[in-house]
C-alpha atoms as a PDB file:
ATOM      1  CA  MET A   1      58.393-110.868 297.530  1.00  0.00           C
ATOM      2  CA  ALA A   2      55.445-112.268 299.487  1.00  0.00           C
ATOM      3  CA  LYS A   3      52.254-110.286 299.942  1.00  0.00           C
ATOM      4  CA  SER A   4      49.471-111.021 302.417  1.00  0.00           C
ATOM      5  CA  ARG A   5      45.751-110.277 302.381  1.00  0.00           C
ATOM      6  CA  ARG A   6      43.770-110.733 305.564  1.00  0.00           C
ATOM      7  CA  GLY A   7      40.473-112.558 305.352  1.00  0.00           C
ATOM      8  CA  ARG A   8      37.530-111.519 307.458  1.00  0.00           C
ATOM      9  CA  GLY A   9      38.170-112.803 310.960  1.00  0.00           C
ATOM     10  CA  GLY A  10      40.688-115.375 309.751  1.00  0.00           C
ATOM     11  CA  PRO A  11      44.281-115.870 308.667  1.00  0.00           C
ATOM     12  CA  GLU A  12      45.883-114.046 305.787  1.00  0.00           C
ATOM     13  CA  SER A  13      46.058-115.162 302.203  1.00  0.00           C
ATOM     14  CA  VAL A  14      49.678-115.153 301.009  1.00  0.00           C
ATOM     15  CA  THR A  15      50.838-114.544 297.444  1.00  0.00           C
ATOM     16  CA  GLU A  16      54.364-114.837 296.122  1.00  0.00           C
ATOM     17  CA  THR A  17      55.940-115.053 292.691  1.00  0.00           C
ATOM     18  CA  VAL A  18      57.601-118.429 292.098  1.00  0.00           C
ATOM     19  CA  ASP A  19      59.155-119.986 289.010  1.00  0.00           C
ATOM     20  CA  GLY A  20      55.803-121.454 287.939  1.00  0.00           C
ATOM     21  CA  GLY A  21      53.871-118.186 288.203  1.00  0.00           C
ATOM     22  CA  LEU A  22      51.966-116.459 290.979  1.00  0.00           C
ATOM     23  CA  ALA A  23      51.560-118.778 293.971  1.00  0.00           C
ATOM     24  CA  GLU A  24      48.781-118.173 296.462  1.00  0.00           C
ATOM     25  CA  LEU A  25      48.220-119.884 299.795  1.00  0.00           C
ATOM     26  CA  ARG A  26      44.549-119.342 300.525  1.00  0.00           C
ATOM     27  CA  PRO A  27      43.137-120.135 303.979  1.00  0.00           C
ATOM     28  CA  ASP A  28      40.353-122.704 304.259  1.00  0.00           C
ATOM     29  CA  ARG A  29      37.321-121.130 305.913  1.00  0.00           C
ATOM     30  CA  ASP A  30      36.144-124.522 307.208  1.00  0.00           C
ATOM     31  CA  ARG A  31      39.433-125.794 308.673  1.00  0.00           C
ATOM     32  CA  PRO A  32      41.351-123.506 311.057  1.00  0.00           C
ATOM     33  CA  ARG A  33      44.806-124.502 309.750  1.00  0.00           C
ATOM     34  CA  GLY A  34      43.815-125.609 306.277  1.00  0.00           C
ATOM     35  CA  TRP A  35      45.386-124.022 303.196  1.00  0.00           C
ATOM     36  CA  THR A  36      44.898-124.332 299.435  1.00  0.00           C
ATOM     37  CA  LEU A  37      47.827-123.751 297.095  1.00  0.00           C
ATOM     38  CA  LEU A  38      46.994-122.099 293.771  1.00  0.00           C
ATOM     39  CA  ILE A  39      49.378-121.287 290.918  1.00  0.00           C
ATOM     40  CA  ASP A  40      48.149-118.559 288.572  1.00  0.00           C
ATOM     41  CA  GLY A  41      44.663-119.139 289.951  1.00  0.00           C
ATOM     42  CA  ALA A  42      44.641-122.901 289.329  1.00  0.00           C
ATOM     43  CA  PRO A  43      44.152-124.995 292.505  1.00  0.00           C
ATOM     44  CA  GLN A  44      47.115-127.330 293.001  1.00  0.00           C
ATOM     45  CA  SER A  45      46.738-128.935 296.424  1.00  0.00           C
ATOM     46  CA  HIS A  46      45.312-128.584 299.910  1.00  0.00           C
ATOM     47  CA  VAL A  47      47.031-129.038 303.276  1.00  0.00           C
ATOM     48  CA  ASP A  48      45.593-129.211 306.788  1.00  0.00           C
ATOM     49  CA  LEU A  49      48.456-128.625 309.216  1.00  0.00           C
ATOM     50  CA  ASP A  50      46.366-130.032 312.081  1.00  0.00           C
ATOM     51  CA  ASP A  51      45.432-133.186 310.164  1.00  0.00           C
ATOM     52  CA  PRO A  52      47.951-134.183 307.454  1.00  0.00           C
ATOM     53  CA  ALA A  53      45.934-137.352 306.794  1.00  0.00           C
ATOM     54  CA  TYR A  54      43.044-135.214 305.507  1.00  0.00           C
ATOM     55  CA  LEU A  55      42.904-135.063 301.705  1.00  0.00           C
ATOM     56  CA  ASP A  56      40.511-132.497 300.270  1.00  0.00           C
ATOM     57  CA  PHE A  57      41.006-132.782 296.498  1.00  0.00           C
ATOM     58  CA  SER A  58      39.413-135.816 294.857  1.00  0.00           C
ATOM     59  CA  TYR A  59      42.520-136.769 292.869  1.00  0.00           C
ATOM     60  CA  GLN A  60      44.630-136.588 296.036  1.00  0.00           C
ATOM     61  CA  ARG A  61      42.181-138.870 297.859  1.00  0.00           C
ATOM     62  CA  ARG A  62      42.581-141.363 295.020  1.00  0.00           C
ATOM     63  CA  LEU A  63      46.357-141.179 295.339  1.00  0.00           C
ATOM     64  CA  GLY A  64      45.913-141.580 299.087  1.00  0.00           C
ATOM     65  CA  HIS A  65      43.954-144.798 298.518  1.00  0.00           C
ATOM     66  CA  ILE A  66      46.837-146.106 296.443  1.00  0.00           C
ATOM     67  CA  ALA A  67      49.336-145.208 299.167  1.00  0.00           C
ATOM     68  CA  ASP A  68      47.121-147.049 301.679  1.00  0.00           C
ATOM     69  CA  LEU A  69      47.217-150.179 299.526  1.00  0.00           C
ATOM     70  CA  ALA A  70      50.899-150.056 298.551  1.00  0.00           C
ATOM     71  CA  GLY A  71      51.793-152.346 301.477  1.00  0.00           C
ATOM     72  CA  PRO A  72      50.384-153.700 304.740  1.00  0.00           C
ATOM     73  CA  ALA A  73      48.538-151.019 306.711  1.00  0.00           C
ATOM     74  CA  GLY A  74      50.893-148.819 308.716  1.00  0.00           C
ATOM     75  CA  LYS A  75      54.068-150.382 307.320  1.00  0.00           C
ATOM     76  CA  PRO A  76      56.734-147.807 306.356  1.00  0.00           C
ATOM     77  CA  LEU A  77      57.232-147.231 302.648  1.00  0.00           C
ATOM     78  CA  HIS A  78      60.015-146.037 300.421  1.00  0.00           C
ATOM     79  CA  ALA A  79      58.156-143.427 298.357  1.00  0.00           C
ATOM     80  CA  VAL A  80      59.182-141.107 295.540  1.00  0.00           C
ATOM     81  CA  HIS A  81      57.092-138.059 294.684  1.00  0.00           C
ATOM     82  CA  LEU A  82      57.753-136.458 291.303  1.00  0.00           C
ATOM     83  CA  GLY A  83      56.332-132.980 291.790  1.00  0.00           C
ATOM     84  CA  GLY A  84      56.024-131.490 295.244  1.00  0.00           C
ATOM     85  CA  GLY A  85      53.406-128.752 295.299  1.00  0.00           C
ATOM     86  CA  ALA A  86      52.416-128.174 298.917  1.00  0.00           C
ATOM     87  CA  LEU A  87      53.839-131.632 299.830  1.00  0.00           C
ATOM     88  CA  THR A  88      50.340-132.931 300.564  1.00  0.00           C
ATOM     89  CA  LEU A  89      50.957-136.584 299.677  1.00  0.00           C
ATOM     90  CA  PRO A  90      54.342-136.821 301.458  1.00  0.00           C
ATOM     91  CA  ARG A  91      52.615-135.453 304.573  1.00  0.00           C
ATOM     92  CA  TYR A  92      49.844-138.036 304.167  1.00  0.00           C
ATOM     93  CA  VAL A  93      52.266-140.952 303.866  1.00  0.00           C
ATOM     94  CA  ALA A  94      54.297-139.697 306.831  1.00  0.00           C
ATOM     95  CA  ALA A  95      51.154-139.439 308.973  1.00  0.00           C
ATOM     96  CA  THR A  96      49.592-142.764 307.964  1.00  0.00           C
ATOM     97  CA  ARG A  97      52.813-144.776 307.657  1.00  0.00           C
ATOM     98  CA  PRO A  98      55.252-143.521 310.312  1.00  0.00           C
ATOM     99  CA  ARG A  99      58.983-144.051 309.650  1.00  0.00           C
ATOM    100  CA  SER A 100      58.458-144.011 305.885  1.00  0.00           C
ATOM    101  CA  THR A 101      61.418-142.723 303.896  1.00  0.00           C
ATOM    102  CA  GLN A 102      60.367-140.328 301.151  1.00  0.00           C
ATOM    103  CA  GLN A 103      62.083-138.408 298.390  1.00  0.00           C
ATOM    104  CA  VAL A 104      60.420-135.478 296.640  1.00  0.00           C
ATOM    105  CA  VAL A 105      61.667-133.971 293.388  1.00  0.00           C
ATOM    106  CA  GLU A 106      60.390-130.434 292.701  1.00  0.00           C
ATOM    107  CA  ILE A 107      61.862-128.111 290.088  1.00  0.00           C
ATOM    108  CA  ASP A 108      60.378-124.900 291.513  1.00  0.00           C
ATOM    109  CA  ALA A 109      62.797-123.926 294.301  1.00  0.00           C
ATOM    110  CA  PRO A 110      60.984-120.694 295.293  1.00  0.00           C
ATOM    111  CA  LEU A 111      57.754-122.690 295.677  1.00  0.00           C
ATOM    112  CA  VAL A 112      59.507-125.187 297.948  1.00  0.00           C
ATOM    113  CA  GLN A 113      60.839-122.321 300.054  1.00  0.00           C
ATOM    114  CA  LEU A 114      57.374-120.764 300.333  1.00  0.00           C
ATOM    115  CA  VAL A 115      55.784-124.063 301.370  1.00  0.00           C
ATOM    116  CA  ARG A 116      58.508-124.859 303.898  1.00  0.00           C
ATOM    117  CA  ARG A 117      58.186-121.396 305.425  1.00  0.00           C
ATOM    118  CA  ARG A 118      54.395-121.167 305.581  1.00  0.00           C
ATOM    119  CA  LEU A 119      53.419-124.852 305.815  1.00  0.00           C
ATOM    120  CA  PRO A 120      56.341-126.423 307.709  1.00  0.00           C
ATOM    121  CA  LEU A 121      56.949-130.170 307.800  1.00  0.00           C
ATOM    122  CA  ASP A 122      57.138-132.113 311.054  1.00  0.00           C
ATOM    123  CA  ALA A 123      60.789-132.376 312.068  1.00  0.00           C
ATOM    124  CA  GLY A 124      60.421-136.118 312.658  1.00  0.00           C
ATOM    125  CA  TRP A 125      59.251-136.943 309.141  1.00  0.00           C
ATOM    126  CA  ARG A 126      61.768-138.597 306.845  1.00  0.00           C
ATOM    127  CA  ILE A 127      61.042-136.404 303.830  1.00  0.00           C
ATOM    128  CA  ARG A 128      63.883-135.193 301.640  1.00  0.00           C
ATOM    129  CA  VAL A 129      63.062-132.553 299.030  1.00  0.00           C
ATOM    130  CA  ARG A 130      65.424-132.316 296.067  1.00  0.00           C
ATOM    131  CA  GLY A 131      65.442-129.476 293.570  1.00  0.00           C
ATOM    132  CA  GLY A 132      65.525-130.204 289.880  1.00  0.00           C
ATOM    133  CA  ASP A 133      63.729-131.832 286.985  1.00  0.00           C
ATOM    134  CA  ALA A 134      61.552-134.822 287.835  1.00  0.00           C
ATOM    135  CA  ARG A 135      63.056-137.173 285.260  1.00  0.00           C
ATOM    136  CA  ALA A 136      66.609-136.232 286.204  1.00  0.00           C
ATOM    137  CA  GLY A 137      65.751-136.761 289.870  1.00  0.00           C
ATOM    138  CA  LEU A 138      64.168-140.137 289.127  1.00  0.00           C
ATOM    139  CA  ALA A 139      67.390-141.234 287.421  1.00  0.00           C
ATOM    140  CA  LYS A 140      69.178-140.838 290.764  1.00  0.00           C
ATOM    141  CA  ILE A 141      66.892-143.312 292.560  1.00  0.00           C
ATOM    142  CA  PRO A 142      68.624-146.696 293.000  1.00  0.00           C
ATOM    143  CA  ASP A 143      67.270-149.703 291.129  1.00  0.00           C
ATOM    144  CA  GLY A 144      64.334-151.306 292.948  1.00  0.00           C
ATOM    145  CA  TRP A 145      64.378-148.777 295.822  1.00  0.00           C
ATOM    146  CA  ALA A 146      60.784-147.517 295.771  1.00  0.00           C
ATOM    147  CA  ASP A 147      57.601-149.170 296.970  1.00  0.00           C
ATOM    148  CA  LEU A 148      55.581-146.306 295.498  1.00  0.00           C
ATOM    149  CA  ILE A 149      56.279-143.672 292.856  1.00  0.00           C
ATOM    150  CA  ILE A 150      53.753-140.874 292.389  1.00  0.00           C
ATOM    151  CA  ALA A 151      53.998-138.559 289.377  1.00  0.00           C
ATOM    152  CA  ASP A 152      52.080-135.320 289.861  1.00  0.00           C
ATOM    153  CA  VAL A 153      54.011-132.832 287.759  1.00  0.00           C
ATOM    154  CA  PHE A 154      52.469-129.805 286.103  1.00  0.00           C
ATOM    155  CA  GLY A 155      54.101-126.785 284.505  1.00  0.00           C
ATOM    156  CA  GLY A 156      51.610-124.122 283.517  1.00  0.00           C
ATOM    157  CA  ALA A 157      48.787-126.625 284.313  1.00  0.00           C
ATOM    158  CA  ARG A 158      50.274-129.117 281.800  1.00  0.00           C
ATOM    159  CA  THR A 159      52.324-132.283 282.299  1.00  0.00           C
ATOM    160  CA  PRO A 160      55.697-131.783 280.546  1.00  0.00           C
ATOM    161  CA  ALA A 161      56.176-133.914 277.432  1.00  0.00           C
ATOM    162  CA  HIS A 162      59.327-135.692 278.634  1.00  0.00           C
ATOM    163  CA  LEU A 163      57.332-137.203 281.537  1.00  0.00           C
ATOM    164  CA  THR A 164      54.819-138.911 279.238  1.00  0.00           C
ATOM    165  CA  SER A 165      56.966-141.334 277.185  1.00  0.00           C
ATOM    166  CA  THR A 166      57.725-145.045 277.277  1.00  0.00           C
ATOM    167  CA  GLU A 167      61.346-144.185 278.051  1.00  0.00           C
ATOM    168  CA  PHE A 168      60.243-142.246 281.124  1.00  0.00           C
ATOM    169  CA  VAL A 169      57.929-145.048 282.282  1.00  0.00           C
ATOM    170  CA  ALA A 170      60.753-147.578 281.823  1.00  0.00           C
ATOM    171  CA  GLU A 171      62.834-145.458 284.200  1.00  0.00           C
ATOM    172  CA  VAL A 172      59.953-145.555 286.692  1.00  0.00           C
ATOM    173  CA  ARG A 173      59.855-149.351 286.541  1.00  0.00           C
ATOM    174  CA  ARG A 174      63.626-149.543 287.039  1.00  0.00           C
ATOM    175  CA  ALA A 175      63.335-147.594 290.304  1.00  0.00           C
ATOM    176  CA  LEU A 176      60.385-149.642 291.626  1.00  0.00           C
ATOM    177  CA  ARG A 177      60.793-152.829 293.613  1.00  0.00           C
ATOM    178  CA  PRO A 178      58.973-155.901 292.249  1.00  0.00           C
ATOM    179  CA  GLY A 179      55.337-155.476 293.252  1.00  0.00           C
ATOM    180  CA  GLY A 180      55.707-151.705 293.693  1.00  0.00           C
ATOM    181  CA  TYR A 181      53.102-149.220 292.483  1.00  0.00           C
ATOM    182  CA  TYR A 182      53.362-146.374 289.980  1.00  0.00           C
ATOM    183  CA  ALA A 183      50.580-143.777 290.154  1.00  0.00           C
ATOM    184  CA  ALA A 184      50.261-140.803 287.800  1.00  0.00           C
ATOM    185  CA  ASN A 185      47.911-137.849 288.104  1.00  0.00           C
ATOM    186  CA  LEU A 186      46.814-136.967 284.562  1.00  0.00           C
ATOM    187  CA  ALA A 187      44.568-134.163 283.355  1.00  0.00           C
ATOM    188  CA  ASP A 188      42.627-134.208 280.094  1.00  0.00           C
ATOM    189  CA  GLY A 189      39.337-133.317 278.481  1.00  0.00           C
ATOM    190  CA  PRO A 190      37.373-134.305 275.413  1.00  0.00           C
ATOM    191  CA  PRO A 191      38.289-136.091 273.170  1.00  0.00           C
ATOM    192  CA  LEU A 192      40.717-137.604 275.761  1.00  0.00           C
ATOM    193  CA  ARG A 193      43.536-138.280 273.295  1.00  0.00           C
ATOM    194  CA  PHE A 194      46.222-137.582 275.880  1.00  0.00           C
ATOM    195  CA  LEU A 195      44.687-139.905 278.469  1.00  0.00           C
ATOM    196  CA  ARG A 196      44.212-142.732 275.978  1.00  0.00           C
ATOM    197  CA  GLY A 197      47.797-142.318 274.812  1.00  0.00           C
ATOM    198  CA  GLN A 198      49.072-142.515 278.383  1.00  0.00           C
ATOM    199  CA  ILE A 199      47.197-145.772 278.979  1.00  0.00           C
ATOM    200  CA  ALA A 200      48.842-147.237 275.879  1.00  0.00           C
ATOM    201  CA  THR A 201      52.253-145.883 276.893  1.00  0.00           C
ATOM    202  CA  VAL A 202      52.251-147.157 280.464  1.00  0.00           C
ATOM    203  CA  GLY A 203      50.779-150.453 279.250  1.00  0.00           C
ATOM    204  CA  THR A 204      53.904-151.136 277.178  1.00  0.00           C
ATOM    205  CA  VAL A 205      55.983-151.179 280.382  1.00  0.00           C
ATOM    206  CA  PHE A 206      53.629-152.512 283.073  1.00  0.00           C
ATOM    207  CA  PRO A 207      51.329-155.515 282.606  1.00  0.00           C
ATOM    208  CA  GLU A 208      48.698-154.395 285.142  1.00  0.00           C
ATOM    209  CA  LEU A 209      46.813-151.089 284.875  1.00  0.00           C
ATOM    210  CA  CYS A 210      43.722-149.384 286.174  1.00  0.00           C
ATOM    211  CA  LEU A 211      42.296-145.890 285.886  1.00  0.00           C
ATOM    212  CA  THR A 212      40.220-143.960 288.422  1.00  0.00           C
ATOM    213  CA  ALA A 213      38.330-140.770 287.569  1.00  0.00           C
ATOM    214  CA  ASP A 214      35.048-138.928 287.787  1.00  0.00           C
ATOM    215  CA  PRO A 215      32.587-140.680 285.441  1.00  0.00           C
ATOM    216  CA  ALA A 216      31.961-137.376 283.620  1.00  0.00           C
ATOM    217  CA  VAL A 217      35.675-137.131 282.792  1.00  0.00           C
ATOM    218  CA  LEU A 218      35.756-140.715 281.519  1.00  0.00           C
ATOM    219  CA  ARG A 219      32.716-140.008 279.332  1.00  0.00           C
ATOM    220  CA  GLY A 220      34.497-137.014 277.821  1.00  0.00           C
ATOM    221  CA  LYS A 221      31.942-134.583 279.228  1.00  0.00           C
ATOM    222  CA  ARG A 222      34.414-132.263 280.950  1.00  0.00           C
ATOM    223  CA  PHE A 223      38.083-131.564 281.643  1.00  0.00           C
ATOM    224  CA  GLY A 224      39.426-133.147 284.829  1.00  0.00           C
ATOM    225  CA  ASN A 225      41.914-135.388 286.593  1.00  0.00           C
ATOM    226  CA  ALA A 226      42.358-139.128 286.255  1.00  0.00           C
ATOM    227  CA  VAL A 227      44.715-141.309 288.277  1.00  0.00           C
ATOM    228  CA  LEU A 228      46.467-144.116 286.397  1.00  0.00           C
ATOM    229  CA  LEU A 229      47.877-146.943 288.540  1.00  0.00           C
ATOM    230  CA  ALA A 230      50.363-149.509 287.217  1.00  0.00           C
ATOM    231  CA  ALA A 231      52.282-152.470 288.618  1.00  0.00           C
ATOM    232  CA  ASP A 232      53.900-155.745 287.605  1.00  0.00           C
ATOM    233  CA  THR A 233      51.529-157.714 289.852  1.00  0.00           C
ATOM    234  CA  GLU A 234      47.772-157.962 290.332  1.00  0.00           C
ATOM    235  CA  LEU A 235      46.165-154.723 291.507  1.00  0.00           C
ATOM    236  CA  PRO A 236      43.604-154.390 294.358  1.00  0.00           C
ATOM    237  CA  ILE A 237      40.790-153.531 291.961  1.00  0.00           C
ATOM    238  CA  ALA A 238      37.916-154.489 294.249  1.00  0.00           C
ATOM    239  CA  GLU A 239      39.159-152.340 297.134  1.00  0.00           C
ATOM    240  CA  LEU A 240      39.977-149.389 294.900  1.00  0.00           C
ATOM    241  CA  THR A 241      36.509-149.636 293.357  1.00  0.00           C
ATOM    242  CA  ARG A 242      34.887-149.676 296.790  1.00  0.00           C
ATOM    243  CA  ARG A 243      36.861-146.659 297.952  1.00  0.00           C
ATOM    244  CA  ALA A 244      36.229-144.699 294.758  1.00  0.00           C
ATOM    245  CA  ALA A 245      32.501-145.375 295.020  1.00  0.00           C
ATOM    246  CA  THR A 246      32.336-144.078 298.591  1.00  0.00           C
ATOM    247  CA  ASP A 247      34.441-140.925 298.080  1.00  0.00           C
ATOM    248  CA  PRO A 248      32.639-137.580 298.494  1.00  0.00           C
ATOM    249  CA  GLN A 249      33.110-137.115 294.739  1.00  0.00           C
ATOM    250  CA  THR A 250      32.337-140.568 293.418  1.00  0.00           C
ATOM    251  CA  GLY A 251      34.901-142.091 291.075  1.00  0.00           C
ATOM    252  CA  ARG A 252      34.825-144.998 288.666  1.00  0.00           C
ATOM    253  CA  VAL A 253      37.593-147.577 288.200  1.00  0.00           C
ATOM    254  CA  GLU A 254      38.320-149.018 284.767  1.00  0.00           C
ATOM    255  CA  HIS A 255      40.633-151.996 284.199  1.00  0.00           C
ATOM    256  CA  GLY A 256      41.119-155.054 282.045  1.00  0.00           C
ATOM    257  CA  ARG A 257      39.066-155.285 278.858  1.00  0.00           C
ATOM    258  CA  ALA A 258      37.087-152.135 279.649  1.00  0.00           C
ATOM    259  CA  LEU A 259      40.285-150.109 280.004  1.00  0.00           C
ATOM    260  CA  ARG A 260      41.698-151.506 276.757  1.00  0.00           C
ATOM    261  CA  ASP A 261      38.449-150.593 274.998  1.00  0.00           C
ATOM    262  CA  PHE A 262      38.629-147.122 276.517  1.00  0.00           C
ATOM    263  CA  ALA A 263      42.177-146.662 275.165  1.00  0.00           C
ATOM    264  CA  GLY A 264      40.747-147.432 271.749  1.00  0.00           C
ATOM    265  CA  GLY A 265      43.947-148.581 270.076  1.00  0.00           C
ATOM    266  CA  ALA A 266      45.884-145.411 270.926  1.00  0.00           C
ATOM    267  CA  ALA A 267      49.586-145.520 270.056  1.00  0.00           C
ATOM    268  CA  PRO A 268      52.242-145.466 272.788  1.00  0.00           C
ATOM    269  CA  VAL A 269      54.183-142.222 273.144  1.00  0.00           C
ATOM    270  CA  THR A 270      57.978-142.105 272.833  1.00  0.00           C
ATOM    271  CA  ASP A 271      60.477-139.344 273.547  1.00  0.00           C
ATOM    272  CA  ALA A 272      60.417-138.568 269.827  1.00  0.00           C
ATOM    273  CA  THR A 273      56.631-138.116 269.652  1.00  0.00           C
ATOM    274  CA  ALA A 274      55.735-136.881 273.154  1.00  0.00           C
ATOM    275  CA  VAL A 275      53.825-133.633 273.686  1.00  0.00           C
ATOM    276  CA  ALA A 276      52.680-131.924 276.874  1.00  0.00           C
ATOM    277  CA  SER A 277      49.203-132.647 278.201  1.00  0.00           C
ATOM    278  CA  PRO A 278      46.485-130.263 276.975  1.00  0.00           C
ATOM    279  CA  ALA A 279      45.945-126.940 278.688  1.00  0.00           C
ATOM    280  CA  PRO A 280      42.727-126.623 280.692  1.00  0.00           C
ATOM    281  CA  PRO A 281      39.950-124.722 278.897  1.00  0.00           C
ATOM    282  CA  GLU A 282      39.383-121.132 279.944  1.00  0.00           C
ATOM    283  CA  LYS A 283      37.312-120.700 283.122  1.00  0.00           C
ATOM    284  CA  THR A 284      37.997-124.309 284.227  1.00  0.00           C
ATOM    285  CA  PHE A 285      38.958-123.060 287.680  1.00  0.00           C
ATOM    286  CA  ASP A 286      36.542-120.124 287.988  1.00  0.00           C
END
């Protein structure tokens, strides 16, 4: 059952129990129709209903850059989103690339219902939201259908183990068209074993990789998000580097030899050895 709490002179904060925990839609004091989704107090995504092309979180801006570069500017895409949250990235693609066809796979049905009710999608957007497990949903995507696949799946603030293996990444490549992009939002902290293992894992399936993150995360100074991009063709490293450097929260792009050195000889992960990503330290989101 949803509960509301009115802010001073502004819209109400809404809380509701969903499968993943306690969901809260918190109004943005600086944007009249902006909302932040939190699950058990951990910020998940931000939506501005007046401006769906606005991306507030740094990792979502980095995913937005990738969506911008996944084809000629403005050209419609076939996009798959593994993990829905507040549907921030599907909204972004729909706003910046009209007539795109998008499929979202989200396991938390009560969360989807809350988002649809409180943060409705434009009726003209071609966004289909499917319930169910991300890997099972990916298996239903036809071979070579997607221009862009974004994995942004967290359960209890951790990426599930079965979405971290070479077998899973091979399924991603099957669903991508030649030249398509795979982007994964990953979270890790020192000593960055999970992140290094994911670089090795994705690198067994895709020949071209790059990683974008806050420099402090890459140096192992704090827990945070990193976006791993993979493809079977050359990546737009120079443009991604320029965009990351000019973001409000500056990011750094690693690729080639530097990325291999960063991975440090980590072993690829298989279904037999996969574990969930590490839980954030206490007070990470305070």
